[in-house]
Amino acid sequence: MKIIGTGSAHPKCAVSNEMLEKFLDTSDEWITERTGIKERCVISSEKLEDMAVLAANHALENAGLTAADIDFIICSNVVNEYVTPALSCIIQGMIGATCPTVDINAACAGFIYAMDIAEDKLKCNKAKNILIVCAEEPSRMVGWENRSTCVLFGDGAGAAVVTQGDDLKAIRLTTSSLTDVLYYQRRLEPTPYIDKPEEFEPLVMKGREVFKHAVTNSCRDIRKLLNETGLEANDIKYYVLHQANRRIIDSIRNFLGVDEERVPHNVERYGNISSAALPALLDELNRDGKLQKGDKLVFSAFGAGFTTGACVIEWGI
């Protein structure tokens, strides 16, 4: 596969650390020191599907295609207002496509999982052009009285159009069942027959364990891919890492021993937007003219589950 177009969209409401001080026992200094985040964009009047469609249309335009050219849509999403139909179905109708669609939930690693699925379909000649959309609203999963979680997240969407090619050089996915480290439970509708206790609580995150697993697994995945492809760390133009926390990003960079300019970031402006973080950052690099044909990129992400994904891409646009 190769990436031929990118797009992104963010809500209009930018919430600064100072704004959070008005109702949380926190401060800009406390948040910045622990996360590197200065503000995050959160949904106010928007609908998640509208942002998903905006990102998708930007990616189609960047690829020089229309919705009629798309053979399959993969949507990565953790939670939204619809339980059914799938968010990908809604996106398909709103952009005017007619192809099959599917939703996946691999948490923050969803973009790389979606690329792996796309690669398989393209290899089997079951599709020519695939639209990947990552649309997330984690601000609706956290308790806004809990400063340890609500300061971390923002909302947004990122998208990419992929087609047949040879730009994906290596990819690696892993899952380790660590459900108690990071989770969000919702209560389902009651029935007259339910007699079991049911849990409901906003997002639970064991920060130290998430930090440890994120850094360890991301470094492991990247090193395995570099060995597999015969590349050295400095052969990579950019390491496009999941934008969860600036301290995590810096720790991964230090373990890999690469210069700061090779590890772009925008977490300070958007917070953690789950699986949308990677394609949104990629779109930013693309539209800022920072990517040249032949550049080698490493993507790496980690999320609840505990899922991880990493890949090596040669930029082909």
C-alpha atoms as a PDB file:
ATOM      1  CA  MET A   1       0.000   0.000   0.000  1.00  0.00           C
ATOM      2  CA  LYS A   2       0.921   3.638  -0.212  1.00  0.00           C
ATOM      3  CA  ILE A   3      -0.606   6.759   1.300  1.00  0.00           C
ATOM      4  CA  ILE A   4      -1.812   9.213  -1.341  1.00  0.00           C
ATOM      5  CA  GLY A   5      -3.833  11.704   0.732  1.00  0.00           C
ATOM      6  CA  THR A   6      -4.246  12.966   4.292  1.00  0.00           C
ATOM      7  CA  GLY A   7      -6.800  15.063   6.172  1.00  0.00           C
ATOM      8  CA  SER A   8      -7.714  16.185   9.678  1.00  0.00           C
ATOM      9  CA  ALA A   9     -10.273  18.196  11.631  1.00  0.00           C
ATOM     10  CA  HIS A  10     -10.421  19.595  15.154  1.00  0.00           C
ATOM     11  CA  PRO A  11     -13.239  21.134  17.233  1.00  0.00           C
ATOM     12  CA  LYS A  12     -13.431  24.926  17.483  1.00  0.00           C
ATOM     13  CA  CYS A  13     -13.404  24.996  21.317  1.00  0.00           C
ATOM     14  CA  ALA A  14      -9.784  25.221  22.501  1.00  0.00           C
ATOM     15  CA  VAL A  15      -9.539  24.697  26.280  1.00  0.00           C
ATOM     16  CA  SER A  16      -6.381  26.090  27.844  1.00  0.00           C
ATOM     17  CA  ASN A  17      -4.857  24.927  31.104  1.00  0.00           C
ATOM     18  CA  GLU A  18      -5.851  28.263  32.647  1.00  0.00           C
ATOM     19  CA  MET A  19      -9.487  27.583  31.760  1.00  0.00           C
ATOM     20  CA  LEU A  20      -9.317  24.286  33.652  1.00  0.00           C
ATOM     21  CA  GLU A  21      -8.063  26.092  36.750  1.00  0.00           C
ATOM     22  CA  LYS A  22     -11.540  27.611  37.127  1.00  0.00           C
ATOM     23  CA  PHE A  23     -13.144  24.302  38.163  1.00  0.00           C
ATOM     24  CA  LEU A  24     -10.244  21.917  38.859  1.00  0.00           C
ATOM     25  CA  ASP A  25      -7.647  21.817  41.611  1.00  0.00           C
ATOM     26  CA  THR A  26      -4.837  22.197  39.084  1.00  0.00           C
ATOM     27  CA  SER A  27      -2.605  24.758  37.389  1.00  0.00           C
ATOM     28  CA  ASP A  28      -0.914  25.362  34.076  1.00  0.00           C
ATOM     29  CA  GLU A  29       2.413  24.549  35.727  1.00  0.00           C
ATOM     30  CA  TRP A  30       1.109  21.226  37.128  1.00  0.00           C
ATOM     31  CA  ILE A  31      -0.334  20.102  33.776  1.00  0.00           C
ATOM     32  CA  THR A  32       2.578  21.290  31.645  1.00  0.00           C
ATOM     33  CA  GLU A  33       5.203  19.656  33.842  1.00  0.00           C
ATOM     34  CA  ARG A  34       3.460  16.258  33.788  1.00  0.00           C
ATOM     35  CA  THR A  35       2.073  16.171  30.243  1.00  0.00           C
ATOM     36  CA  GLY A  36       3.486  18.972  28.095  1.00  0.00           C
ATOM     37  CA  ILE A  37      -0.084  19.886  27.134  1.00  0.00           C
ATOM     38  CA  LYS A  38      -0.991  23.588  27.023  1.00  0.00           C
ATOM     39  CA  GLU A  39      -4.483  23.280  25.495  1.00  0.00           C
ATOM     40  CA  ARG A  40      -6.817  20.739  23.958  1.00  0.00           C
ATOM     41  CA  CYS A  41      -9.697  21.020  21.465  1.00  0.00           C
ATOM     42  CA  VAL A  42     -12.967  19.515  22.720  1.00  0.00           C
ATOM     43  CA  ILE A  43     -16.366  19.003  21.164  1.00  0.00           C
ATOM     44  CA  SER A  44     -18.944  21.650  22.047  1.00  0.00           C
ATOM     45  CA  SER A  45     -21.524  22.201  19.289  1.00  0.00           C
ATOM     46  CA  GLU A  46     -19.968  19.826  16.754  1.00  0.00           C
ATOM     47  CA  LYS A  47     -20.946  16.251  16.027  1.00  0.00           C
ATOM     48  CA  LEU A  48     -18.145  13.711  15.784  1.00  0.00           C
ATOM     49  CA  GLU A  49     -19.406  12.477  12.420  1.00  0.00           C
ATOM     50  CA  ASP A  50     -19.148  16.014  11.012  1.00  0.00           C
ATOM     51  CA  MET A  51     -15.467  16.199  11.952  1.00  0.00           C
ATOM     52  CA  ALA A  52     -14.911  12.711  10.537  1.00  0.00           C
ATOM     53  CA  VAL A  53     -16.457  13.757   7.234  1.00  0.00           C
ATOM     54  CA  LEU A  54     -14.411  16.955   7.109  1.00  0.00           C
ATOM     55  CA  ALA A  55     -11.184  14.995   7.643  1.00  0.00           C
ATOM     56  CA  ALA A  56     -12.265  12.402   5.062  1.00  0.00           C
ATOM     57  CA  ASN A  57     -13.080  15.034   2.437  1.00  0.00           C
ATOM     58  CA  HIS A  58      -9.747  16.767   3.030  1.00  0.00           C
ATOM     59  CA  ALA A  59      -7.957  13.433   2.509  1.00  0.00           C
ATOM     60  CA  LEU A  60      -9.929  12.707  -0.678  1.00  0.00           C
ATOM     61  CA  GLU A  61      -9.165  16.160  -2.048  1.00  0.00           C
ATOM     62  CA  ASN A  62      -5.472  15.758  -1.191  1.00  0.00           C
ATOM     63  CA  ALA A  63      -5.462  12.394  -3.006  1.00  0.00           C
ATOM     64  CA  GLY A  64      -7.214  13.815  -6.052  1.00  0.00           C
ATOM     65  CA  LEU A  65     -10.092  11.366  -5.666  1.00  0.00           C
ATOM     66  CA  THR A  66     -13.814  11.523  -4.982  1.00  0.00           C
ATOM     67  CA  ALA A  67     -15.954   9.350  -2.728  1.00  0.00           C
ATOM     68  CA  ALA A  68     -17.003   7.363  -5.815  1.00  0.00           C
ATOM     69  CA  ASP A  69     -13.397   6.166  -6.185  1.00  0.00           C
ATOM     70  CA  ILE A  70     -13.320   4.555  -2.706  1.00  0.00           C
ATOM     71  CA  ASP A  71     -13.779   0.771  -2.537  1.00  0.00           C
ATOM     72  CA  PHE A  72     -13.717   0.340   1.249  1.00  0.00           C
ATOM     73  CA  ILE A  73     -13.903   2.526   4.365  1.00  0.00           C
ATOM     74  CA  ILE A  74     -12.279   1.621   7.687  1.00  0.00           C
ATOM     75  CA  CYS A  75     -13.206   3.774  10.679  1.00  0.00           C
ATOM     76  CA  SER A  76     -11.240   3.625  13.920  1.00  0.00           C
ATOM     77  CA  ASN A  77     -13.345   4.754  16.860  1.00  0.00           C
ATOM     78  CA  VAL A  78     -13.508   4.009  20.577  1.00  0.00           C
ATOM     79  CA  VAL A  79     -16.774   5.672  21.549  1.00  0.00           C
ATOM     80  CA  ASN A  80     -19.398   7.946  20.008  1.00  0.00           C
ATOM     81  CA  GLU A  81     -23.078   8.716  20.441  1.00  0.00           C
ATOM     82  CA  TYR A  82     -24.133   5.843  18.169  1.00  0.00           C
ATOM     83  CA  VAL A  83     -23.876   2.265  19.335  1.00  0.00           C
ATOM     84  CA  THR A  84     -25.344   1.260  15.971  1.00  0.00           C
ATOM     85  CA  PRO A  85     -25.095   1.892  13.071  1.00  0.00           C
ATOM     86  CA  ALA A  86     -21.311   1.912  12.852  1.00  0.00           C
ATOM     87  CA  LEU A  87     -19.698   5.313  12.479  1.00  0.00           C
ATOM     88  CA  SER A  88     -18.220   4.171   9.157  1.00  0.00           C
ATOM     89  CA  CYS A  89     -21.764   3.669   7.803  1.00  0.00           C
ATOM     90  CA  ILE A  90     -22.662   7.221   8.754  1.00  0.00           C
ATOM     91  CA  ILE A  91     -19.484   8.600   7.171  1.00  0.00           C
ATOM     92  CA  GLN A  92     -20.143   6.625   3.980  1.00  0.00           C
ATOM     93  CA  GLY A  93     -23.554   8.193   3.503  1.00  0.00           C
ATOM     94  CA  MET A  94     -22.420  11.708   4.379  1.00  0.00           C
ATOM     95  CA  ILE A  95     -19.553  11.735   1.853  1.00  0.00           C
ATOM     96  CA  GLY A  96     -21.620  10.038  -0.851  1.00  0.00           C
ATOM     97  CA  ALA A  97     -19.672   6.776  -1.089  1.00  0.00           C
ATOM     98  CA  THR A  98     -21.317   3.440  -1.923  1.00  0.00           C
ATOM     99  CA  CYS A  99     -18.642   0.959  -0.788  1.00  0.00           C
ATOM    100  CA  PRO A 100     -18.636  -1.474   2.164  1.00  0.00           C
ATOM    101  CA  THR A 101     -17.481  -0.135   5.525  1.00  0.00           C
ATOM    102  CA  VAL A 102     -16.295  -1.409   8.891  1.00  0.00           C
ATOM    103  CA  ASP A 103     -15.502   0.035  12.319  1.00  0.00           C
ATOM    104  CA  ILE A 104     -12.588  -1.141  14.436  1.00  0.00           C
ATOM    105  CA  ASN A 105     -11.645  -0.415  18.037  1.00  0.00           C
ATOM    106  CA  ALA A 106      -7.955  -0.897  18.766  1.00  0.00           C
ATOM    107  CA  ALA A 107      -7.941   2.179  21.011  1.00  0.00           C
ATOM    108  CA  CYS A 108      -5.138   4.651  20.312  1.00  0.00           C
ATOM    109  CA  ALA A 109      -3.310   2.208  18.009  1.00  0.00           C
ATOM    110  CA  GLY A 110      -6.305   2.104  15.657  1.00  0.00           C
ATOM    111  CA  PHE A 111      -4.713   3.928  12.717  1.00  0.00           C
ATOM    112  CA  ILE A 112      -1.937   1.351  12.410  1.00  0.00           C
ATOM    113  CA  TYR A 113      -4.393  -1.533  12.836  1.00  0.00           C
ATOM    114  CA  ALA A 114      -6.498   0.012  10.061  1.00  0.00           C
ATOM    115  CA  MET A 115      -3.448   0.255   7.794  1.00  0.00           C
ATOM    116  CA  ASP A 116      -2.722  -3.433   8.385  1.00  0.00           C
ATOM    117  CA  ILE A 117      -6.277  -4.344   7.375  1.00  0.00           C
ATOM    118  CA  ALA A 118      -6.019  -2.090   4.315  1.00  0.00           C
ATOM    119  CA  GLU A 119      -2.729  -3.699   3.322  1.00  0.00           C
ATOM    120  CA  ASP A 120      -4.325  -7.146   3.386  1.00  0.00           C
ATOM    121  CA  LYS A 121      -7.283  -6.078   1.235  1.00  0.00           C
ATOM    122  CA  LEU A 122      -5.008  -4.377  -1.266  1.00  0.00           C
ATOM    123  CA  LYS A 123      -2.705  -7.403  -1.472  1.00  0.00           C
ATOM    124  CA  CYS A 124      -5.697  -9.631  -2.206  1.00  0.00           C
ATOM    125  CA  ASN A 125      -6.897  -7.216  -4.923  1.00  0.00           C
ATOM    126  CA  LYS A 126     -10.196  -6.797  -3.076  1.00  0.00           C
ATOM    127  CA  ALA A 127      -9.848  -3.011  -3.227  1.00  0.00           C
ATOM    128  CA  LYS A 128      -7.921  -0.353  -5.116  1.00  0.00           C
ATOM    129  CA  ASN A 129      -8.551   2.736  -2.966  1.00  0.00           C
ATOM    130  CA  ILE A 130      -9.307   2.596   0.758  1.00  0.00           C
ATOM    131  CA  LEU A 131     -10.322   5.456   3.043  1.00  0.00           C
ATOM    132  CA  ILE A 132      -9.170   5.251   6.655  1.00  0.00           C
ATOM    133  CA  VAL A 133     -10.903   7.615   9.099  1.00  0.00           C
ATOM    134  CA  CYS A 134     -10.007   7.886  12.782  1.00  0.00           C
ATOM    135  CA  ALA A 135     -12.632   9.884  14.679  1.00  0.00           C
ATOM    136  CA  GLU A 136     -12.495  10.178  18.440  1.00  0.00           C
ATOM    137  CA  GLU A 137     -14.098  12.072  21.327  1.00  0.00           C
ATOM    138  CA  PRO A 138     -12.295  10.857  24.470  1.00  0.00           C
ATOM    139  CA  SER A 139     -13.387  14.033  26.274  1.00  0.00           C
ATOM    140  CA  ARG A 140     -16.742  12.254  26.646  1.00  0.00           C
ATOM    141  CA  MET A 141     -15.183   9.293  28.470  1.00  0.00           C
ATOM    142  CA  VAL A 142     -13.436  11.095  31.323  1.00  0.00           C
ATOM    143  CA  GLY A 143     -14.738  12.516  34.574  1.00  0.00           C
ATOM    144  CA  TRP A 144     -14.186  16.271  34.386  1.00  0.00           C
ATOM    145  CA  GLU A 145     -13.716  16.458  38.134  1.00  0.00           C
ATOM    146  CA  ASN A 146     -10.661  14.163  37.897  1.00  0.00           C
ATOM    147  CA  ARG A 147      -7.573  16.195  37.031  1.00  0.00           C
ATOM    148  CA  SER A 148      -5.436  13.106  36.446  1.00  0.00           C
ATOM    149  CA  THR A 149      -7.412  12.165  33.328  1.00  0.00           C
ATOM    150  CA  CYS A 150      -9.505  15.036  31.977  1.00  0.00           C
ATOM    151  CA  VAL A 151      -6.490  17.293  31.350  1.00  0.00           C
ATOM    152  CA  LEU A 152      -5.010  14.729  28.954  1.00  0.00           C
ATOM    153  CA  PHE A 153      -7.620  14.392  26.243  1.00  0.00           C
ATOM    154  CA  GLY A 154      -9.001  16.280  23.287  1.00  0.00           C
ATOM    155  CA  ASP A 155     -11.276  15.385  20.375  1.00  0.00           C
ATOM    156  CA  GLY A 156     -10.668  15.279  16.650  1.00  0.00           C
ATOM    157  CA  ALA A 157     -10.433  13.308  13.450  1.00  0.00           C
ATOM    158  CA  GLY A 158      -7.702  12.265  11.050  1.00  0.00           C
ATOM    159  CA  ALA A 159      -7.945  10.479   7.723  1.00  0.00           C
ATOM    160  CA  ALA A 160      -5.808   8.942   5.013  1.00  0.00           C
ATOM    161  CA  VAL A 161      -6.444   7.509   1.567  1.00  0.00           C
ATOM    162  CA  VAL A 162      -4.329   4.473   0.709  1.00  0.00           C
ATOM    163  CA  THR A 163      -3.974   2.624  -2.568  1.00  0.00           C
ATOM    164  CA  GLN A 164      -1.950  -0.186  -4.081  1.00  0.00           C
ATOM    165  CA  GLY A 165       1.787   0.345  -3.876  1.00  0.00           C
ATOM    166  CA  ASP A 166       4.982  -0.712  -2.157  1.00  0.00           C
ATOM    167  CA  ASP A 167       5.500   2.017   0.444  1.00  0.00           C
ATOM    168  CA  LEU A 168       4.646  -0.023   3.546  1.00  0.00           C
ATOM    169  CA  LYS A 169       7.987  -1.658   4.351  1.00  0.00           C
ATOM    170  CA  ALA A 170       7.122  -3.417   7.627  1.00  0.00           C
ATOM    171  CA  ILE A 171       4.328  -3.473  10.187  1.00  0.00           C
ATOM    172  CA  ARG A 172       3.908  -4.975  13.659  1.00  0.00           C
ATOM    173  CA  LEU A 173       0.821  -5.331  15.864  1.00  0.00           C
ATOM    174  CA  THR A 174       0.638  -6.672  19.432  1.00  0.00           C
ATOM    175  CA  THR A 175      -1.984  -7.087  22.122  1.00  0.00           C
ATOM    176  CA  SER A 176      -1.427  -7.851  25.805  1.00  0.00           C
ATOM    177  CA  SER A 177      -4.552  -8.296  27.903  1.00  0.00           C
ATOM    178  CA  LEU A 178      -4.096  -5.639  30.595  1.00  0.00           C
ATOM    179  CA  THR A 179      -7.655  -4.447  30.958  1.00  0.00           C
ATOM    180  CA  ASP A 180      -7.297  -3.030  34.452  1.00  0.00           C
ATOM    181  CA  VAL A 181      -4.584  -0.535  33.448  1.00  0.00           C
ATOM    182  CA  LEU A 182      -6.789   1.653  31.253  1.00  0.00           C
ATOM    183  CA  TYR A 183     -10.525   1.199  30.761  1.00  0.00           C
ATOM    184  CA  TYR A 184     -13.930   2.853  30.467  1.00  0.00           C
ATOM    185  CA  GLN A 185     -17.160   1.034  31.321  1.00  0.00           C
ATOM    186  CA  ARG A 186     -20.701   2.016  30.329  1.00  0.00           C
ATOM    187  CA  ARG A 187     -23.925   0.730  31.863  1.00  0.00           C
ATOM    188  CA  LEU A 188     -26.227  -0.946  29.337  1.00  0.00           C
ATOM    189  CA  GLU A 189     -30.004  -0.644  29.247  1.00  0.00           C
ATOM    190  CA  PRO A 190     -31.741  -2.496  32.112  1.00  0.00           C
ATOM    191  CA  THR A 191     -33.934  -5.548  31.606  1.00  0.00           C
ATOM    192  CA  PRO A 192     -36.442  -7.135  34.008  1.00  0.00           C
ATOM    193  CA  TYR A 193     -34.046 -10.089  34.381  1.00  0.00           C
ATOM    194  CA  ILE A 194     -30.719  -8.473  35.198  1.00  0.00           C
ATOM    195  CA  ASP A 195     -29.709  -9.454  38.731  1.00  0.00           C
ATOM    196  CA  LYS A 196     -25.928  -9.028  38.498  1.00  0.00           C
ATOM    197  CA  PRO A 197     -24.057  -5.965  39.766  1.00  0.00           C
ATOM    198  CA  GLU A 198     -23.168  -3.612  36.915  1.00  0.00           C
ATOM    199  CA  GLU A 199     -20.287  -1.172  36.899  1.00  0.00           C
ATOM    200  CA  PHE A 200     -20.170   2.312  35.466  1.00  0.00           C
ATOM    201  CA  GLU A 201     -17.367   4.792  35.876  1.00  0.00           C
ATOM    202  CA  PRO A 202     -15.505   7.322  33.772  1.00  0.00           C
ATOM    203  CA  LEU A 203     -12.129   6.466  32.271  1.00  0.00           C
ATOM    204  CA  VAL A 204      -9.764   4.783  34.730  1.00  0.00           C
ATOM    205  CA  MET A 205      -6.057   5.141  34.077  1.00  0.00           C
ATOM    206  CA  LYS A 206      -3.159   3.823  36.113  1.00  0.00           C
ATOM    207  CA  GLY A 207      -0.719   6.452  34.949  1.00  0.00           C
ATOM    208  CA  ARG A 208       2.584   4.919  35.981  1.00  0.00           C
ATOM    209  CA  GLU A 209       1.747   1.550  34.433  1.00  0.00           C
ATOM    210  CA  VAL A 210       0.526   3.166  31.213  1.00  0.00           C
ATOM    211  CA  PHE A 211       3.763   5.183  31.032  1.00  0.00           C
ATOM    212  CA  LYS A 212       5.920   2.084  31.545  1.00  0.00           C
ATOM    213  CA  HIS A 213       4.075  -0.080  29.021  1.00  0.00           C
ATOM    214  CA  ALA A 214       3.900   2.727  26.457  1.00  0.00           C
ATOM    215  CA  VAL A 215       7.630   3.467  26.478  1.00  0.00           C
ATOM    216  CA  THR A 216       8.761  -0.170  26.735  1.00  0.00           C
ATOM    217  CA  ASN A 217       6.456  -1.509  24.032  1.00  0.00           C
ATOM    218  CA  SER A 218       6.917   1.364  21.611  1.00  0.00           C
ATOM    219  CA  CYS A 219      10.711   1.118  21.792  1.00  0.00           C
ATOM    220  CA  ARG A 220      10.528  -2.670  21.403  1.00  0.00           C
ATOM    221  CA  ASP A 221       8.265  -2.440  18.343  1.00  0.00           C
ATOM    222  CA  ILE A 222      10.386   0.226  16.652  1.00  0.00           C
ATOM    223  CA  ARG A 223      13.642  -1.621  17.229  1.00  0.00           C
ATOM    224  CA  LYS A 224      12.186  -4.853  15.838  1.00  0.00           C
ATOM    225  CA  LEU A 225      11.025  -3.054  12.700  1.00  0.00           C
ATOM    226  CA  LEU A 226      14.383  -1.334  12.194  1.00  0.00           C
ATOM    227  CA  ASN A 227      16.107  -4.711  12.489  1.00  0.00           C
ATOM    228  CA  GLU A 228      13.607  -6.288  10.100  1.00  0.00           C
ATOM    229  CA  THR A 229      14.125  -3.609   7.445  1.00  0.00           C
ATOM    230  CA  GLY A 230      17.878  -3.240   7.957  1.00  0.00           C
ATOM    231  CA  LEU A 231      17.497   0.453   8.738  1.00  0.00           C
ATOM    232  CA  GLU A 232      19.406   2.487  11.298  1.00  0.00           C
ATOM    233  CA  ALA A 233      17.632   4.881  13.652  1.00  0.00           C
ATOM    234  CA  ASN A 234      19.044   7.890  11.784  1.00  0.00           C
ATOM    235  CA  ASP A 235      17.753   6.606   8.430  1.00  0.00           C
ATOM    236  CA  ILE A 236      14.270   7.631   9.564  1.00  0.00           C
ATOM    237  CA  LYS A 237      13.209  11.183   8.665  1.00  0.00           C
ATOM    238  CA  TYR A 238      10.433  11.354  11.265  1.00  0.00           C
ATOM    239  CA  TYR A 239       9.190   9.185  14.112  1.00  0.00           C
ATOM    240  CA  VAL A 240       5.442   9.851  14.144  1.00  0.00           C
ATOM    241  CA  LEU A 241       4.527   8.744  17.658  1.00  0.00           C
ATOM    242  CA  HIS A 242       1.190   8.605  19.436  1.00  0.00           C
ATOM    243  CA  GLN A 243       0.525  12.018  20.975  1.00  0.00           C
ATOM    244  CA  ALA A 244      -0.464  10.929  24.476  1.00  0.00           C
ATOM    245  CA  ASN A 245       1.946  12.810  26.699  1.00  0.00           C
ATOM    246  CA  ARG A 246       5.082  14.823  25.965  1.00  0.00           C
ATOM    247  CA  ARG A 247       7.020  12.965  28.687  1.00  0.00           C
ATOM    248  CA  ILE A 248       6.226   9.635  27.012  1.00  0.00           C
ATOM    249  CA  ILE A 249       7.263  11.009  23.611  1.00  0.00           C
ATOM    250  CA  ASP A 250      10.542  12.349  25.018  1.00  0.00           C
ATOM    251  CA  SER A 251      11.268   9.085  26.843  1.00  0.00           C
ATOM    252  CA  ILE A 252      10.818   7.058  23.652  1.00  0.00           C
ATOM    253  CA  ARG A 253      13.052   9.498  21.757  1.00  0.00           C
ATOM    254  CA  ASN A 254      15.756   9.263  24.417  1.00  0.00           C
ATOM    255  CA  PHE A 255      15.683   5.453  24.443  1.00  0.00           C
ATOM    256  CA  LEU A 256      16.007   5.412  20.658  1.00  0.00           C
ATOM    257  CA  GLY A 257      18.804   7.977  20.773  1.00  0.00           C
ATOM    258  CA  VAL A 258      17.438  10.221  18.012  1.00  0.00           C
ATOM    259  CA  ASP A 259      17.480  14.007  17.713  1.00  0.00           C
ATOM    260  CA  GLU A 260      14.474  16.021  18.817  1.00  0.00           C
ATOM    261  CA  GLU A 261      13.770  17.357  15.304  1.00  0.00           C
ATOM    262  CA  ARG A 262      13.093  13.787  14.150  1.00  0.00           C
ATOM    263  CA  VAL A 263      10.194  13.405  16.585  1.00  0.00           C
ATOM    264  CA  PRO A 264       7.454  15.927  15.683  1.00  0.00           C
ATOM    265  CA  HIS A 265       4.665  16.616  18.150  1.00  0.00           C
ATOM    266  CA  ASN A 266       1.462  18.606  18.512  1.00  0.00           C
ATOM    267  CA  VAL A 267       0.184  17.166  21.800  1.00  0.00           C
ATOM    268  CA  GLU A 268       0.761  20.560  23.398  1.00  0.00           C
ATOM    269  CA  ARG A 269      -2.021  22.010  21.183  1.00  0.00           C
ATOM    270  CA  TYR A 270      -4.485  19.137  20.877  1.00  0.00           C
ATOM    271  CA  GLY A 271      -3.970  16.759  23.787  1.00  0.00           C
ATOM    272  CA  ASN A 272      -4.454  13.016  23.295  1.00  0.00           C
ATOM    273  CA  ILE A 273      -7.039  12.434  20.550  1.00  0.00           C
ATOM    274  CA  SER A 274      -6.705   8.644  20.641  1.00  0.00           C
ATOM    275  CA  SER A 275      -6.387   6.935  17.247  1.00  0.00           C
ATOM    276  CA  ALA A 276      -6.864  10.260  15.429  1.00  0.00           C
ATOM    277  CA  ALA A 277      -3.534  11.539  16.789  1.00  0.00           C
ATOM    278  CA  LEU A 278      -1.272   9.809  14.241  1.00  0.00           C
ATOM    279  CA  PRO A 279      -3.175  10.686  11.031  1.00  0.00           C
ATOM    280  CA  ALA A 280      -3.783  14.247  12.272  1.00  0.00           C
ATOM    281  CA  LEU A 281      -0.062  14.755  12.934  1.00  0.00           C
ATOM    282  CA  LEU A 282       0.777  13.135   9.594  1.00  0.00           C
ATOM    283  CA  ASP A 283      -1.614  15.519   7.855  1.00  0.00           C
ATOM    284  CA  GLU A 284       0.065  18.459   9.581  1.00  0.00           C
ATOM    285  CA  LEU A 285       3.500  17.329   8.356  1.00  0.00           C
ATOM    286  CA  ASN A 286       2.140  16.756   4.862  1.00  0.00           C
ATOM    287  CA  ARG A 287       0.426  20.136   4.550  1.00  0.00           C
ATOM    288  CA  ASP A 288       3.383  21.993   6.072  1.00  0.00           C
ATOM    289  CA  GLY A 289       5.585  20.625   3.270  1.00  0.00           C
ATOM    290  CA  LYS A 290       7.837  18.696   5.642  1.00  0.00           C
ATOM    291  CA  LEU A 291       7.561  15.377   3.792  1.00  0.00           C
ATOM    292  CA  GLN A 292       9.467  14.606   0.614  1.00  0.00           C
ATOM    293  CA  LYS A 293       9.101  11.628  -1.713  1.00  0.00           C
ATOM    294  CA  GLY A 294      11.374   8.849  -0.467  1.00  0.00           C
ATOM    295  CA  ASP A 295      11.413   9.957   3.186  1.00  0.00           C
ATOM    296  CA  LYS A 296      11.240   7.019   5.560  1.00  0.00           C
ATOM    297  CA  LEU A 297       8.809   7.368   8.452  1.00  0.00           C
ATOM    298  CA  VAL A 298       8.150   5.271  11.531  1.00  0.00           C
ATOM    299  CA  PHE A 299       4.669   5.263  13.071  1.00  0.00           C
ATOM    300  CA  SER A 300       4.172   3.935  16.598  1.00  0.00           C
ATOM    301  CA  ALA A 301       1.127   3.939  18.868  1.00  0.00           C
ATOM    302  CA  PHE A 302      -0.176   2.267  22.012  1.00  0.00           C
ATOM    303  CA  GLY A 303      -3.572   2.132  23.634  1.00  0.00           C
ATOM    304  CA  ALA A 304      -5.968   0.501  26.057  1.00  0.00           C
ATOM    305  CA  GLY A 305      -6.041  -3.232  25.794  1.00  0.00           C
ATOM    306  CA  PHE A 306      -3.012  -3.058  25.875  1.00  0.00           C
ATOM    307  CA  THR A 307      -2.620  -2.677  22.088  1.00  0.00           C
ATOM    308  CA  THR A 308       0.449  -1.520  20.201  1.00  0.00           C
ATOM    309  CA  GLY A 309       1.158  -0.924  16.556  1.00  0.00           C
ATOM    310  CA  ALA A 310       4.183   0.253  14.598  1.00  0.00           C
ATOM    311  CA  CYS A 311       5.178   0.421  10.946  1.00  0.00           C
ATOM    312  CA  VAL A 312       7.818   1.734   8.572  1.00  0.00           C
ATOM    313  CA  ILE A 313       6.521   3.762   5.603  1.00  0.00           C
ATOM    314  CA  GLU A 314       8.354   5.269   2.653  1.00  0.00           C
ATOM    315  CA  TRP A 315       6.603   8.492   1.745  1.00  0.00           C
ATOM    316  CA  GLY A 316       5.419   8.306  -1.840  1.00  0.00           C
ATOM    317  CA  ILE A 317       3.621  11.587  -2.562  1.00  0.00           C
END
